[in-house]
Every structure is written in C-alpha cells, then in structure tokens.
C-alpha atoms as a PDB file:
ATOM      1  CA  MET A   1      -8.686 -35.542  -3.953  1.00  0.00           C
ATOM      2  CA  PHE A   2      -7.801 -32.456  -1.929  1.00  0.00           C
ATOM      3  CA  THR A   3      -9.463 -29.117  -1.285  1.00  0.00           C
ATOM      4  CA  ALA A   4      -7.213 -26.079  -1.188  1.00  0.00           C
ATOM      5  CA  LYS A   5      -8.411 -22.927   0.565  1.00  0.00           C
ATOM      6  CA  VAL A   6      -6.344 -20.009  -0.694  1.00  0.00           C
ATOM      7  CA  PHE A   7      -6.346 -16.706   1.203  1.00  0.00           C
ATOM      8  CA  VAL A   8      -5.013 -13.699  -0.724  1.00  0.00           C
ATOM      9  CA  SER A   9      -4.437 -10.296   0.861  1.00  0.00           C
ATOM     10  CA  PRO A  10      -2.693  -7.056  -0.056  1.00  0.00           C
ATOM     11  CA  LYS A  11       0.909  -6.827   1.111  1.00  0.00           C
ATOM     12  CA  LYS A  12       1.370  -4.743   4.251  1.00  0.00           C
ATOM     13  CA  ASN A  13       3.148  -1.917   2.376  1.00  0.00           C
ATOM     14  CA  VAL A  14       0.414  -1.657  -0.309  1.00  0.00           C
ATOM     15  CA  LEU A  15      -2.475   0.778   0.115  1.00  0.00           C
ATOM     16  CA  ASP A  16      -5.862  -0.921   0.528  1.00  0.00           C
ATOM     17  CA  PRO A  17      -8.635   1.580  -0.310  1.00  0.00           C
ATOM     18  CA  GLN A  18     -11.365  -1.045   0.086  1.00  0.00           C
ATOM     19  CA  GLY A  19     -10.029  -1.944   3.531  1.00  0.00           C
ATOM     20  CA  LYS A  20      -9.985   1.746   4.509  1.00  0.00           C
ATOM     21  CA  ALA A  21     -13.601   2.157   3.364  1.00  0.00           C
ATOM     22  CA  VAL A  22     -14.689  -0.860   5.427  1.00  0.00           C
ATOM     23  CA  HIS A  23     -12.705   0.451   8.408  1.00  0.00           C
ATOM     24  CA  HIS A  24     -14.464   3.825   8.267  1.00  0.00           C
ATOM     25  CA  ALA A  25     -17.872   2.173   7.800  1.00  0.00           C
ATOM     26  CA  LEU A  26     -17.315  -0.045  10.844  1.00  0.00           C
ATOM     27  CA  GLU A  27     -16.269   2.966  12.921  1.00  0.00           C
ATOM     28  CA  SER A  28     -19.415   4.828  11.860  1.00  0.00           C
ATOM     29  CA  LEU A  29     -21.450   1.841  13.101  1.00  0.00           C
ATOM     30  CA  GLY A  30     -19.869   2.158  16.534  1.00  0.00           C
ATOM     31  CA  PHE A  31     -17.025  -0.366  16.242  1.00  0.00           C
ATOM     32  CA  GLU A  32     -14.325   1.980  17.500  1.00  0.00           C
ATOM     33  CA  GLU A  33     -11.757  -0.543  18.737  1.00  0.00           C
ATOM     34  CA  ILE A  34     -10.581  -1.428  15.217  1.00  0.00           C
ATOM     35  CA  ASN A  35      -6.960  -0.700  14.324  1.00  0.00           C
ATOM     36  CA  ASP A  36      -6.892  -1.785  10.673  1.00  0.00           C
ATOM     37  CA  VAL A  37      -8.915  -3.629   8.037  1.00  0.00           C
ATOM     38  CA  ARG A  38      -7.456  -5.399   5.006  1.00  0.00           C
ATOM     39  CA  VAL A  39      -9.765  -6.790   2.318  1.00  0.00           C
ATOM     40  CA  GLY A  40      -8.588  -9.754   0.294  1.00  0.00           C
ATOM     41  CA  LYS A  41     -10.046 -12.718  -1.511  1.00  0.00           C
ATOM     42  CA  TYR A  42     -10.761 -16.364  -0.822  1.00  0.00           C
ATOM     43  CA  ILE A  43     -10.394 -19.036  -3.506  1.00  0.00           C
ATOM     44  CA  GLU A  44     -11.299 -22.702  -3.126  1.00  0.00           C
ATOM     45  CA  VAL A  45      -9.783 -25.229  -5.542  1.00  0.00           C
ATOM     46  CA  LYS A  46     -10.357 -28.983  -5.789  1.00  0.00           C
ATOM     47  CA  VAL A  47      -7.108 -30.739  -6.726  1.00  0.00           C
ATOM     48  CA  ASN A  48      -7.095 -34.307  -7.995  1.00  0.00           C
ATOM     49  CA  ARG A  49      -3.745 -35.569  -6.695  1.00  0.00           C
ATOM     50  CA  LYS A  50      -2.897 -38.744  -4.816  1.00  0.00           C
ATOM     51  CA  ASP A  51      -0.709 -37.225  -2.112  1.00  0.00           C
ATOM     52  CA  LYS A  52      -0.705 -33.985  -0.167  1.00  0.00           C
ATOM     53  CA  ALA A  53       2.780 -32.887  -1.217  1.00  0.00           C
ATOM     54  CA  ALA A  54       1.829 -33.061  -4.908  1.00  0.00           C
ATOM     55  CA  ALA A  55      -1.401 -31.157  -4.233  1.00  0.00           C
ATOM     56  CA  GLU A  56       0.498 -28.449  -2.331  1.00  0.00           C
ATOM     57  CA  ALA A  57       3.002 -28.076  -5.164  1.00  0.00           C
ATOM     58  CA  GLU A  58       0.170 -27.781  -7.693  1.00  0.00           C
ATOM     59  CA  VAL A  59      -1.642 -25.116  -5.662  1.00  0.00           C
ATOM     60  CA  LYS A  60       1.582 -23.152  -5.195  1.00  0.00           C
ATOM     61  CA  ARG A  61       2.117 -23.171  -8.967  1.00  0.00           C
ATOM     62  CA  MET A  62      -1.493 -21.981  -9.492  1.00  0.00           C
ATOM     63  CA  CYS A  63      -1.001 -19.126  -7.053  1.00  0.00           C
ATOM     64  CA  ASP A  64       2.354 -18.094  -8.481  1.00  0.00           C
ATOM     65  CA  SER A  65       1.193 -18.189 -12.103  1.00  0.00           C
ATOM     66  CA  LEU A  66      -2.397 -16.877 -11.987  1.00  0.00           C
ATOM     67  CA  LEU A  67      -4.282 -16.516  -8.710  1.00  0.00           C
ATOM     68  CA  VAL A  68      -1.993 -14.001  -6.976  1.00  0.00           C
ATOM     69  CA  ASN A  69      -0.294 -10.827  -8.173  1.00  0.00           C
ATOM     70  CA  PRO A  70       3.067 -11.143  -6.358  1.00  0.00           C
ATOM     71  CA  VAL A  71       3.821  -7.436  -6.775  1.00  0.00           C
ATOM     72  CA  VAL A  72       0.970  -6.312  -4.516  1.00  0.00           C
ATOM     73  CA  GLU A  73      -0.465  -9.472  -2.908  1.00  0.00           C
ATOM     74  CA  GLU A  74       0.618 -12.273  -0.599  1.00  0.00           C
ATOM     75  CA  TYR A  75      -1.083 -15.584   0.069  1.00  0.00           C
ATOM     76  CA  THR A  76      -1.412 -18.572   2.310  1.00  0.00           C
ATOM     77  CA  PHE A  77      -3.314 -21.785   1.761  1.00  0.00           C
ATOM     78  CA  ASP A  78      -4.591 -24.798   3.633  1.00  0.00           C
ATOM     79  CA  ILE A  79      -5.102 -28.206   2.065  1.00  0.00           C
ATOM     80  CA  SER A  80      -7.333 -30.955   3.357  1.00  0.00           C
ATOM     81  CA  ALA A  81      -8.175 -34.391   1.991  1.00  0.00           C
ATOM     82  CA  GLU A  82     -11.727 -35.129   0.938  1.00  0.00           C
END
C-alpha cells in the first residue's frame, strides 16, 4: 500500500483572491517581507497497489480526471510506501 500526498495550487497566470486576502492579512499583522501568497489544497490518498509505478499512474489518473481542474490548477504529488 502507498500513501499519495497531492498538492494542488492555482496556476501562476490565474488570479487567486484567497491568496491575496491572506497576503494582506499577513501584512497587517506585521509580516511585511512577503512577496506573494497562493492558497491551494492538500489531498491524501491511500492506494492499494503492489508497486510504486502502478500507484503513481493511478494517482495521476485520479488527479487528471477528478481532483484537479487542469484549466486553472496545477499539481504535484509524492508517494511513499506504508
């Protein structure tokens, strides 16, 4: 069994109003050295496959078909054996 940690974030050319709100809030708290904030999502999936390559392929299919909107989001993932 493998655990996939999927990190989804808005593409660089897509506006991120939530990220802007967090950026402004951090600045108002005195964190003035911030250049940009992007807010995304984290998804953890347990995959019951025997080898890492099969687990990676399965997670990629999950991301491409449901977990990520490819028009406005990009993703990366890490897989580790349990």
